[in-house]
Amino acid sequence: MKLAPFIASVADKLKEAGIDNAALDARLLAGHALGLDRAALLSQSERDLSEQEMRSMDALIMRRSAREPVGRILGHREFWGMDFALNEATLEPRPDSETLVEAAVKLAVSRKNDALQILDLGTGTGCLLLALLHEFPNAAGLGIDLAPRAVEQATTNAATLGFASRATFQTGDWFTGLERKFDIIACNPPYIPAFDIAQLMPEVRDHDPFLALDGGTDGVTPYHLLIPVLPVFMNRGGIAAFEVGQGQAEEVVDLFLARGFSDIAAHKDLGGIERVVTATI
């Protein structure tokens, strides 16, 4: 079979399995199986596939039809124009989280070339920290995660993407043992209510690490734990940027107000959901 109709047939199979964006997923899987980028897929659309190539694709189709996310199958996910490798201890970086980077960059635009110190709490793949370092060329940062395997992956990503000299990562429980101050503190904490996790889409429920999802009984436990102590770890004029779950922004805004922060604002993601809360101290 030729490549183009084969990809179309893959998209049909994925659509039948209830997969959203089936056509896009089919192209991504085909590119992965064949070692081709999007341009090469187009230029080679009329070439014949070998039996081995189609068998390789069939294995990937089975995995995606079983609701394994494309990013997990490929082993990487794009974020802020960069490619982040994943492992079992990391969340997949998602476009919603780019809202946090955008908001922090806008707030610190006048300090773009300063030697800022950035902290990323619950760093996962390191995507937030490395995206911010990309935008602030003289900044350096620290990423902390409770999962040692996440720290390993973030460290590898920093080296692969050229940030090894400016990014360090360590295993830790939030601020425990930390004695430094920072100019930007970014955080995408677990914010799914514990009893809601079982109802999530299988791509999330069955493949993202539980540790990175469980936000306690009401989903806001991490904010109540972290925001009261934030001022201890922030330089004057510092910026805090926290990702929040749907419907949580108002409560997080109130937590910042109670600790004397100013310029508090909620920022909407591309879907119109208040996804990030920022504040300055």
C-alpha atoms as a PDB file:
ATOM      1  CA  MET A   1       0.000   0.000   0.000  1.00  0.00           C
ATOM      2  CA  LYS A   2       1.129   3.545  -0.690  1.00  0.00           C
ATOM      3  CA  LEU A   3       1.929   5.867   2.221  1.00  0.00           C
ATOM      4  CA  ALA A   4      -0.864   8.444   1.822  1.00  0.00           C
ATOM      5  CA  PRO A   5      -3.801   6.004   1.719  1.00  0.00           C
ATOM      6  CA  PHE A   6      -2.205   3.997   4.516  1.00  0.00           C
ATOM      7  CA  ILE A   7      -2.099   7.051   6.783  1.00  0.00           C
ATOM      8  CA  ALA A   8      -5.726   7.761   5.887  1.00  0.00           C
ATOM      9  CA  SER A   9      -6.656   4.201   6.864  1.00  0.00           C
ATOM     10  CA  VAL A  10      -4.818   4.615  10.164  1.00  0.00           C
ATOM     11  CA  ALA A  11      -6.782   7.793  10.859  1.00  0.00           C
ATOM     12  CA  ASP A  12     -10.024   5.920  10.202  1.00  0.00           C
ATOM     13  CA  LYS A  13      -9.048   3.169  12.643  1.00  0.00           C
ATOM     14  CA  LEU A  14      -8.157   5.676  15.326  1.00  0.00           C
ATOM     15  CA  LYS A  15     -11.394   7.571  14.781  1.00  0.00           C
ATOM     16  CA  GLU A  16     -13.332   4.325  15.193  1.00  0.00           C
ATOM     17  CA  ALA A  17     -11.494   3.808  18.494  1.00  0.00           C
ATOM     18  CA  GLY A  18     -12.819   7.152  19.716  1.00  0.00           C
ATOM     19  CA  ILE A  19      -9.571   9.072  19.350  1.00  0.00           C
ATOM     20  CA  ASP A  20      -9.796  12.835  18.981  1.00  0.00           C
ATOM     21  CA  ASN A  21      -7.495  14.404  16.379  1.00  0.00           C
ATOM     22  CA  ALA A  22      -7.203  11.021  14.681  1.00  0.00           C
ATOM     23  CA  ALA A  23      -5.702  12.448  11.465  1.00  0.00           C
ATOM     24  CA  LEU A  24      -2.960  14.293  13.327  1.00  0.00           C
ATOM     25  CA  ASP A  25      -2.178  11.269  15.482  1.00  0.00           C
ATOM     26  CA  ALA A  26      -1.988   9.080  12.383  1.00  0.00           C
ATOM     27  CA  ARG A  27       0.594  11.396  10.819  1.00  0.00           C
ATOM     28  CA  LEU A  28       2.642  11.562  14.006  1.00  0.00           C
ATOM     29  CA  LEU A  29       2.666   7.789  14.399  1.00  0.00           C
ATOM     30  CA  ALA A  30       3.570   7.271  10.752  1.00  0.00           C
ATOM     31  CA  GLY A  31       6.420   9.740  11.006  1.00  0.00           C
ATOM     32  CA  HIS A  32       7.687   7.988  14.136  1.00  0.00           C
ATOM     33  CA  ALA A  33       7.492   4.508  12.620  1.00  0.00           C
ATOM     34  CA  LEU A  34       9.151   5.548   9.367  1.00  0.00           C
ATOM     35  CA  GLY A  35      11.614   8.079  10.734  1.00  0.00           C
ATOM     36  CA  LEU A  36      10.143  10.875   8.630  1.00  0.00           C
ATOM     37  CA  ASP A  37       9.213  14.448   9.472  1.00  0.00           C
ATOM     38  CA  ARG A  38       6.042  16.106   8.176  1.00  0.00           C
ATOM     39  CA  ALA A  39       7.686  17.415   5.018  1.00  0.00           C
ATOM     40  CA  ALA A  40       9.104  13.982   4.193  1.00  0.00           C
ATOM     41  CA  LEU A  41       5.725  12.349   4.745  1.00  0.00           C
ATOM     42  CA  LEU A  42       4.248  14.694   2.162  1.00  0.00           C
ATOM     43  CA  SER A  43       7.045  14.302  -0.344  1.00  0.00           C
ATOM     44  CA  GLN A  44       6.970  10.503  -0.077  1.00  0.00           C
ATOM     45  CA  SER A  45       3.188  10.144   0.007  1.00  0.00           C
ATOM     46  CA  GLU A  46       3.134   7.996  -3.148  1.00  0.00           C
ATOM     47  CA  ARG A  47       5.837   5.553  -2.159  1.00  0.00           C
ATOM     48  CA  ASP A  48       4.998   1.934  -1.382  1.00  0.00           C
ATOM     49  CA  LEU A  49       5.266   0.701   2.181  1.00  0.00           C
ATOM     50  CA  SER A  50       6.997  -2.555   2.998  1.00  0.00           C
ATOM     51  CA  GLU A  51       5.301  -5.286   5.019  1.00  0.00           C
ATOM     52  CA  GLN A  52       7.702  -4.568   7.879  1.00  0.00           C
ATOM     53  CA  GLU A  53       6.808  -0.892   7.881  1.00  0.00           C
ATOM     54  CA  MET A  54       3.097  -1.656   7.987  1.00  0.00           C
ATOM     55  CA  ARG A  55       3.630  -4.145  10.833  1.00  0.00           C
ATOM     56  CA  SER A  56       5.521  -1.496  12.760  1.00  0.00           C
ATOM     57  CA  MET A  57       2.637   0.889  12.247  1.00  0.00           C
ATOM     58  CA  ASP A  58       0.089  -1.725  13.309  1.00  0.00           C
ATOM     59  CA  ALA A  59       1.833  -2.052  16.683  1.00  0.00           C
ATOM     60  CA  LEU A  60       1.611   1.699  17.215  1.00  0.00           C
ATOM     61  CA  ILE A  61      -2.036   1.781  16.147  1.00  0.00           C
ATOM     62  CA  MET A  62      -2.854  -0.832  18.773  1.00  0.00           C
ATOM     63  CA  ARG A  63      -1.175   1.221  21.483  1.00  0.00           C
ATOM     64  CA  ARG A  64      -2.955   4.438  20.518  1.00  0.00           C
ATOM     65  CA  SER A  65      -6.305   2.670  20.129  1.00  0.00           C
ATOM     66  CA  ALA A  66      -5.825   1.442  23.721  1.00  0.00           C
ATOM     67  CA  ARG A  67      -5.651   5.172  24.655  1.00  0.00           C
ATOM     68  CA  GLU A  68      -1.927   5.403  25.254  1.00  0.00           C
ATOM     69  CA  PRO A  69      -1.097   9.057  24.502  1.00  0.00           C
ATOM     70  CA  VAL A  70       0.877   9.836  21.376  1.00  0.00           C
ATOM     71  CA  GLY A  71       3.515  11.592  23.458  1.00  0.00           C
ATOM     72  CA  ARG A  72       4.087   8.446  25.507  1.00  0.00           C
ATOM     73  CA  ILE A  73       4.370   6.365  22.354  1.00  0.00           C
ATOM     74  CA  LEU A  74       6.809   8.793  20.752  1.00  0.00           C
ATOM     75  CA  GLY A  75       8.656   9.325  24.022  1.00  0.00           C
ATOM     76  CA  HIS A  76       8.653  13.105  23.729  1.00  0.00           C
ATOM     77  CA  ARG A  77       6.380  16.148  23.558  1.00  0.00           C
ATOM     78  CA  GLU A  78       6.846  19.666  22.195  1.00  0.00           C
ATOM     79  CA  PHE A  79       6.547  22.624  24.543  1.00  0.00           C
ATOM     80  CA  TRP A  80       7.430  26.270  23.865  1.00  0.00           C
ATOM     81  CA  GLY A  81       8.995  25.256  20.551  1.00  0.00           C
ATOM     82  CA  MET A  82      11.332  22.730  22.197  1.00  0.00           C
ATOM     83  CA  ASP A  83      11.243  18.947  22.355  1.00  0.00           C
ATOM     84  CA  PHE A  84      11.024  17.368  25.828  1.00  0.00           C
ATOM     85  CA  ALA A  85      11.699  13.688  26.415  1.00  0.00           C
ATOM     86  CA  LEU A  86       9.339  11.928  28.822  1.00  0.00           C
ATOM     87  CA  ASN A  87       9.519   9.063  31.255  1.00  0.00           C
ATOM     88  CA  GLU A  88       7.041   7.347  33.561  1.00  0.00           C
ATOM     89  CA  ALA A  89       7.574   9.919  36.345  1.00  0.00           C
ATOM     90  CA  THR A  90       6.834  13.021  34.265  1.00  0.00           C
ATOM     91  CA  LEU A  91       3.651  14.635  33.083  1.00  0.00           C
ATOM     92  CA  GLU A  92       3.402  15.329  29.390  1.00  0.00           C
ATOM     93  CA  PRO A  93       3.922  19.067  28.877  1.00  0.00           C
ATOM     94  CA  ARG A  94       0.670  20.573  27.636  1.00  0.00           C
ATOM     95  CA  PRO A  95      -0.166  23.742  25.703  1.00  0.00           C
ATOM     96  CA  ASP A  96      -2.225  25.037  28.650  1.00  0.00           C
ATOM     97  CA  SER A  97       0.995  25.353  30.661  1.00  0.00           C
ATOM     98  CA  GLU A  98       2.469  27.712  28.084  1.00  0.00           C
ATOM     99  CA  THR A  99       0.038  30.259  29.564  1.00  0.00           C
ATOM    100  CA  LEU A 100       2.247  30.331  32.661  1.00  0.00           C
ATOM    101  CA  VAL A 101       5.400  31.009  30.653  1.00  0.00           C
ATOM    102  CA  GLU A 102       3.671  33.765  28.662  1.00  0.00           C
ATOM    103  CA  ALA A 103       2.397  35.453  31.818  1.00  0.00           C
ATOM    104  CA  ALA A 104       5.754  35.332  33.620  1.00  0.00           C
ATOM    105  CA  VAL A 105       7.617  36.661  30.579  1.00  0.00           C
ATOM    106  CA  LYS A 106       5.226  39.612  30.253  1.00  0.00           C
ATOM    107  CA  LEU A 107       5.546  40.487  33.922  1.00  0.00           C
ATOM    108  CA  ALA A 108       9.346  40.393  33.832  1.00  0.00           C
ATOM    109  CA  VAL A 109       9.823  41.901  30.360  1.00  0.00           C
ATOM    110  CA  SER A 110      11.720  44.899  31.744  1.00  0.00           C
ATOM    111  CA  ARG A 111      14.211  42.490  33.333  1.00  0.00           C
ATOM    112  CA  LYS A 112      14.721  40.309  30.257  1.00  0.00           C
ATOM    113  CA  ASN A 113      18.519  40.593  30.327  1.00  0.00           C
ATOM    114  CA  ASP A 114      18.968  40.497  34.111  1.00  0.00           C
ATOM    115  CA  ALA A 115      20.657  37.624  35.903  1.00  0.00           C
ATOM    116  CA  LEU A 116      17.378  36.370  37.329  1.00  0.00           C
ATOM    117  CA  GLN A 117      17.140  33.379  39.629  1.00  0.00           C
ATOM    118  CA  ILE A 118      14.215  31.097  38.746  1.00  0.00           C
ATOM    119  CA  LEU A 119      12.689  28.243  40.747  1.00  0.00           C
ATOM    120  CA  ASP A 120      10.421  25.581  39.259  1.00  0.00           C
ATOM    121  CA  LEU A 121       8.550  23.589  41.898  1.00  0.00           C
ATOM    122  CA  GLY A 122       7.382  20.148  40.747  1.00  0.00           C
ATOM    123  CA  THR A 123       9.537  20.440  37.657  1.00  0.00           C
ATOM    124  CA  GLY A 124       8.675  17.153  35.892  1.00  0.00           C
ATOM    125  CA  THR A 125      10.328  17.316  32.465  1.00  0.00           C
ATOM    126  CA  GLY A 126      11.784  20.717  33.339  1.00  0.00           C
ATOM    127  CA  CYS A 127       9.625  22.348  30.678  1.00  0.00           C
ATOM    128  CA  LEU A 128       8.624  25.453  32.653  1.00  0.00           C
ATOM    129  CA  LEU A 129      12.118  26.208  33.877  1.00  0.00           C
ATOM    130  CA  LEU A 130      13.780  25.613  30.517  1.00  0.00           C
ATOM    131  CA  ALA A 131      11.163  27.648  28.649  1.00  0.00           C
ATOM    132  CA  LEU A 132      11.777  30.555  31.021  1.00  0.00           C
ATOM    133  CA  LEU A 133      15.552  30.219  30.663  1.00  0.00           C
ATOM    134  CA  HIS A 134      15.044  30.339  26.904  1.00  0.00           C
ATOM    135  CA  GLU A 135      13.308  33.709  27.300  1.00  0.00           C
ATOM    136  CA  PHE A 136      15.725  35.128  29.892  1.00  0.00           C
ATOM    137  CA  PRO A 137      19.194  34.522  28.423  1.00  0.00           C
ATOM    138  CA  ASN A 138      21.158  35.587  31.510  1.00  0.00           C
ATOM    139  CA  ALA A 139      18.983  33.779  34.044  1.00  0.00           C
ATOM    140  CA  ALA A 140      19.779  30.576  35.920  1.00  0.00           C
ATOM    141  CA  GLY A 141      17.375  28.252  37.636  1.00  0.00           C
ATOM    142  CA  LEU A 142      16.646  25.333  39.908  1.00  0.00           C
ATOM    143  CA  GLY A 143      14.002  22.666  39.353  1.00  0.00           C
ATOM    144  CA  ILE A 144      12.758  20.535  42.250  1.00  0.00           C
ATOM    145  CA  ASP A 145      10.689  17.368  42.059  1.00  0.00           C
ATOM    146  CA  LEU A 146       9.747  14.708  44.580  1.00  0.00           C
ATOM    147  CA  ALA A 147      10.317  11.947  42.017  1.00  0.00           C
ATOM    148  CA  PRO A 148      13.997  11.078  41.402  1.00  0.00           C
ATOM    149  CA  ARG A 149      13.196   9.764  37.922  1.00  0.00           C
ATOM    150  CA  ALA A 150      11.615  13.084  36.993  1.00  0.00           C
ATOM    151  CA  VAL A 151      14.773  14.858  38.144  1.00  0.00           C
ATOM    152  CA  GLU A 152      16.832  12.512  35.959  1.00  0.00           C
ATOM    153  CA  GLN A 153      14.662  13.289  32.938  1.00  0.00           C
ATOM    154  CA  ALA A 154      14.711  17.040  33.514  1.00  0.00           C
ATOM    155  CA  THR A 155      18.497  16.972  33.830  1.00  0.00           C
ATOM    156  CA  THR A 156      18.774  15.078  30.552  1.00  0.00           C
ATOM    157  CA  ASN A 157      16.401  17.490  28.821  1.00  0.00           C
ATOM    158  CA  ALA A 158      18.414  20.474  30.015  1.00  0.00           C
ATOM    159  CA  ALA A 159      21.592  18.978  28.581  1.00  0.00           C
ATOM    160  CA  THR A 160      19.947  18.028  25.289  1.00  0.00           C
ATOM    161  CA  LEU A 161      18.437  21.486  24.840  1.00  0.00           C
ATOM    162  CA  GLY A 162      21.629  23.357  25.726  1.00  0.00           C
ATOM    163  CA  PHE A 163      20.744  24.629  29.208  1.00  0.00           C
ATOM    164  CA  ALA A 164      23.027  22.433  31.326  1.00  0.00           C
ATOM    165  CA  SER A 165      25.170  25.384  32.412  1.00  0.00           C
ATOM    166  CA  ARG A 166      22.168  27.392  33.628  1.00  0.00           C
ATOM    167  CA  ALA A 167      19.762  24.763  34.986  1.00  0.00           C
ATOM    168  CA  THR A 168      20.176  22.436  37.933  1.00  0.00           C
ATOM    169  CA  PHE A 169      17.693  19.935  39.296  1.00  0.00           C
ATOM    170  CA  GLN A 170      17.322  18.195  42.618  1.00  0.00           C
ATOM    171  CA  THR A 171      15.007  15.760  44.346  1.00  0.00           C
ATOM    172  CA  GLY A 172      13.064  17.401  47.141  1.00  0.00           C
ATOM    173  CA  ASP A 173       9.740  18.004  48.875  1.00  0.00           C
ATOM    174  CA  TRP A 174       8.798  21.514  47.758  1.00  0.00           C
ATOM    175  CA  PHE A 175      10.855  24.039  49.789  1.00  0.00           C
ATOM    176  CA  THR A 176      12.297  21.567  52.305  1.00  0.00           C
ATOM    177  CA  GLY A 177      15.953  22.345  52.924  1.00  0.00           C
ATOM    178  CA  LEU A 178      15.977  25.300  50.537  1.00  0.00           C
ATOM    179  CA  GLU A 179      17.674  28.472  51.789  1.00  0.00           C
ATOM    180  CA  ARG A 180      17.883  30.586  48.609  1.00  0.00           C
ATOM    181  CA  LYS A 181      15.724  33.406  47.298  1.00  0.00           C
ATOM    182  CA  PHE A 182      14.398  33.704  43.750  1.00  0.00           C
ATOM    183  CA  ASP A 183      13.116  36.325  41.340  1.00  0.00           C
ATOM    184  CA  ILE A 184      10.573  34.048  39.630  1.00  0.00           C
ATOM    185  CA  ILE A 185       8.893  31.031  41.198  1.00  0.00           C
ATOM    186  CA  ALA A 186       6.908  28.888  38.763  1.00  0.00           C
ATOM    187  CA  CYS A 187       4.786  25.958  39.812  1.00  0.00           C
ATOM    188  CA  ASN A 188       2.393  23.529  38.167  1.00  0.00           C
ATOM    189  CA  PRO A 189       1.352  21.531  41.228  1.00  0.00           C
ATOM    190  CA  PRO A 190      -0.990  18.540  41.341  1.00  0.00           C
ATOM    191  CA  TYR A 191      -4.489  20.046  41.309  1.00  0.00           C
ATOM    192  CA  ILE A 192      -6.918  17.242  40.501  1.00  0.00           C
ATOM    193  CA  PRO A 193      -9.218  16.356  43.444  1.00  0.00           C
ATOM    194  CA  ALA A 194      -8.250  12.842  44.514  1.00  0.00           C
ATOM    195  CA  PHE A 195     -11.719  11.392  43.972  1.00  0.00           C
ATOM    196  CA  ASP A 196     -11.909  12.832  40.446  1.00  0.00           C
ATOM    197  CA  ILE A 197      -8.809  11.086  39.128  1.00  0.00           C
ATOM    198  CA  ALA A 198     -10.702   7.881  38.335  1.00  0.00           C
ATOM    199  CA  GLN A 199     -12.991   9.889  36.033  1.00  0.00           C
ATOM    200  CA  LEU A 200     -10.233  11.435  33.934  1.00  0.00           C
ATOM    201  CA  MET A 201      -9.626  10.452  30.337  1.00  0.00           C
ATOM    202  CA  PRO A 202      -7.645   7.200  30.137  1.00  0.00           C
ATOM    203  CA  GLU A 203      -4.761   9.034  28.448  1.00  0.00           C
ATOM    204  CA  VAL A 204      -4.297  10.940  31.718  1.00  0.00           C
ATOM    205  CA  ARG A 205      -5.637   8.523  34.319  1.00  0.00           C
ATOM    206  CA  ASP A 206      -3.703   5.506  33.123  1.00  0.00           C
ATOM    207  CA  HIS A 207      -0.485   7.111  31.904  1.00  0.00           C
ATOM    208  CA  ASP A 208       0.337  10.286  33.839  1.00  0.00           C
ATOM    209  CA  PRO A 209       1.997   9.724  37.235  1.00  0.00           C
ATOM    210  CA  PHE A 210      -0.513   9.757  40.096  1.00  0.00           C
ATOM    211  CA  LEU A 211       1.915  11.833  42.163  1.00  0.00           C
ATOM    212  CA  ALA A 212       1.645  14.649  39.628  1.00  0.00           C
ATOM    213  CA  LEU A 213      -2.169  14.578  39.541  1.00  0.00           C
ATOM    214  CA  ASP A 214      -3.357  14.180  43.146  1.00  0.00           C
ATOM    215  CA  GLY A 215      -4.127  17.603  44.613  1.00  0.00           C
ATOM    216  CA  GLY A 216      -5.730  16.253  47.772  1.00  0.00           C
ATOM    217  CA  THR A 217      -9.394  16.012  48.665  1.00  0.00           C
ATOM    218  CA  ASP A 218     -10.406  19.306  47.044  1.00  0.00           C
ATOM    219  CA  GLY A 219      -7.508  19.717  44.595  1.00  0.00           C
ATOM    220  CA  VAL A 220      -6.109  22.853  46.216  1.00  0.00           C
ATOM    221  CA  THR A 221      -4.016  21.348  49.014  1.00  0.00           C
ATOM    222  CA  PRO A 222      -0.666  22.284  47.394  1.00  0.00           C
ATOM    223  CA  TYR A 223      -1.634  25.965  47.111  1.00  0.00           C
ATOM    224  CA  HIS A 224      -2.549  26.149  50.798  1.00  0.00           C
ATOM    225  CA  LEU A 225       0.790  24.541  51.611  1.00  0.00           C
ATOM    226  CA  LEU A 226       3.018  26.601  49.320  1.00  0.00           C
ATOM    227  CA  ILE A 227       1.647  30.137  49.002  1.00  0.00           C
ATOM    228  CA  PRO A 228       1.834  31.047  52.730  1.00  0.00           C
ATOM    229  CA  VAL A 229       5.597  30.390  52.768  1.00  0.00           C
ATOM    230  CA  LEU A 230       6.429  31.821  49.313  1.00  0.00           C
ATOM    231  CA  PRO A 231       7.576  35.258  50.590  1.00  0.00           C
ATOM    232  CA  VAL A 232      10.424  33.628  52.522  1.00  0.00           C
ATOM    233  CA  PHE A 233      11.933  32.412  49.257  1.00  0.00           C
ATOM    234  CA  MET A 234      11.318  35.464  47.044  1.00  0.00           C
ATOM    235  CA  ASN A 235      13.411  38.550  46.384  1.00  0.00           C
ATOM    236  CA  ARG A 236      11.634  41.897  46.613  1.00  0.00           C
ATOM    237  CA  GLY A 237       9.797  42.458  43.333  1.00  0.00           C
ATOM    238  CA  GLY A 238       9.729  38.729  42.697  1.00  0.00           C
ATOM    239  CA  ILE A 239       7.048  37.052  40.598  1.00  0.00           C
ATOM    240  CA  ALA A 240       5.049  33.933  41.472  1.00  0.00           C
ATOM    241  CA  ALA A 241       3.239  32.083  38.683  1.00  0.00           C
ATOM    242  CA  PHE A 242       1.044  29.099  39.542  1.00  0.00           C
ATOM    243  CA  GLU A 243      -0.958  26.935  37.183  1.00  0.00           C
ATOM    244  CA  VAL A 244      -4.440  26.123  38.549  1.00  0.00           C
ATOM    245  CA  GLY A 245      -7.257  23.764  37.727  1.00  0.00           C
ATOM    246  CA  GLN A 246     -10.606  24.817  36.353  1.00  0.00           C
ATOM    247  CA  GLY A 247     -12.570  26.792  38.947  1.00  0.00           C
ATOM    248  CA  GLN A 248      -9.611  27.153  41.339  1.00  0.00           C
ATOM    249  CA  ALA A 249      -8.317  30.602  40.359  1.00  0.00           C
ATOM    250  CA  GLU A 250     -10.496  32.594  42.778  1.00  0.00           C
ATOM    251  CA  GLU A 251      -9.362  30.605  45.814  1.00  0.00           C
ATOM    252  CA  VAL A 252      -5.714  30.868  44.782  1.00  0.00           C
ATOM    253  CA  VAL A 253      -6.078  34.641  44.266  1.00  0.00           C
ATOM    254  CA  ASP A 254      -7.433  34.890  47.816  1.00  0.00           C
ATOM    255  CA  LEU A 255      -4.437  32.956  49.152  1.00  0.00           C
ATOM    256  CA  PHE A 256      -2.052  35.424  47.513  1.00  0.00           C
ATOM    257  CA  LEU A 257      -4.040  38.360  48.881  1.00  0.00           C
ATOM    258  CA  ALA A 258      -3.857  36.946  52.404  1.00  0.00           C
ATOM    259  CA  ARG A 259      -0.055  36.840  52.211  1.00  0.00           C
ATOM    260  CA  GLY A 260       0.331  40.452  51.120  1.00  0.00           C
ATOM    261  CA  PHE A 261       1.091  39.920  47.437  1.00  0.00           C
ATOM    262  CA  SER A 262       0.220  42.610  44.901  1.00  0.00           C
ATOM    263  CA  ASP A 263      -0.562  42.794  41.176  1.00  0.00           C
ATOM    264  CA  ILE A 264      -2.493  39.538  41.483  1.00  0.00           C
ATOM    265  CA  ALA A 265      -4.087  38.389  38.242  1.00  0.00           C
ATOM    266  CA  ALA A 266      -5.670  35.325  36.666  1.00  0.00           C
ATOM    267  CA  HIS A 267      -4.734  34.451  33.077  1.00  0.00           C
ATOM    268  CA  LYS A 268      -6.890  32.454  30.672  1.00  0.00           C
ATOM    269  CA  ASP A 269      -5.614  29.645  28.474  1.00  0.00           C
ATOM    270  CA  LEU A 270      -6.573  29.193  24.824  1.00  0.00           C
ATOM    271  CA  GLY A 271      -9.789  27.492  25.921  1.00  0.00           C
ATOM    272  CA  GLY A 272     -10.875  30.502  27.953  1.00  0.00           C
ATOM    273  CA  ILE A 273     -10.246  28.808  31.313  1.00  0.00           C
ATOM    274  CA  GLU A 274      -8.480  30.748  34.062  1.00  0.00           C
ATOM    275  CA  ARG A 275      -5.363  28.588  34.069  1.00  0.00           C
ATOM    276  CA  VAL A 276      -2.642  30.634  35.778  1.00  0.00           C
ATOM    277  CA  VAL A 277      -2.503  33.000  38.725  1.00  0.00           C
ATOM    278  CA  THR A 278       0.402  35.438  39.015  1.00  0.00           C
ATOM    279  CA  ALA A 279       1.407  37.769  41.831  1.00  0.00           C
ATOM    280  CA  THR A 280       4.360  39.932  42.891  1.00  0.00           C
ATOM    281  CA  ILE A 281       5.853  40.493  46.308  1.00  0.00           C
END
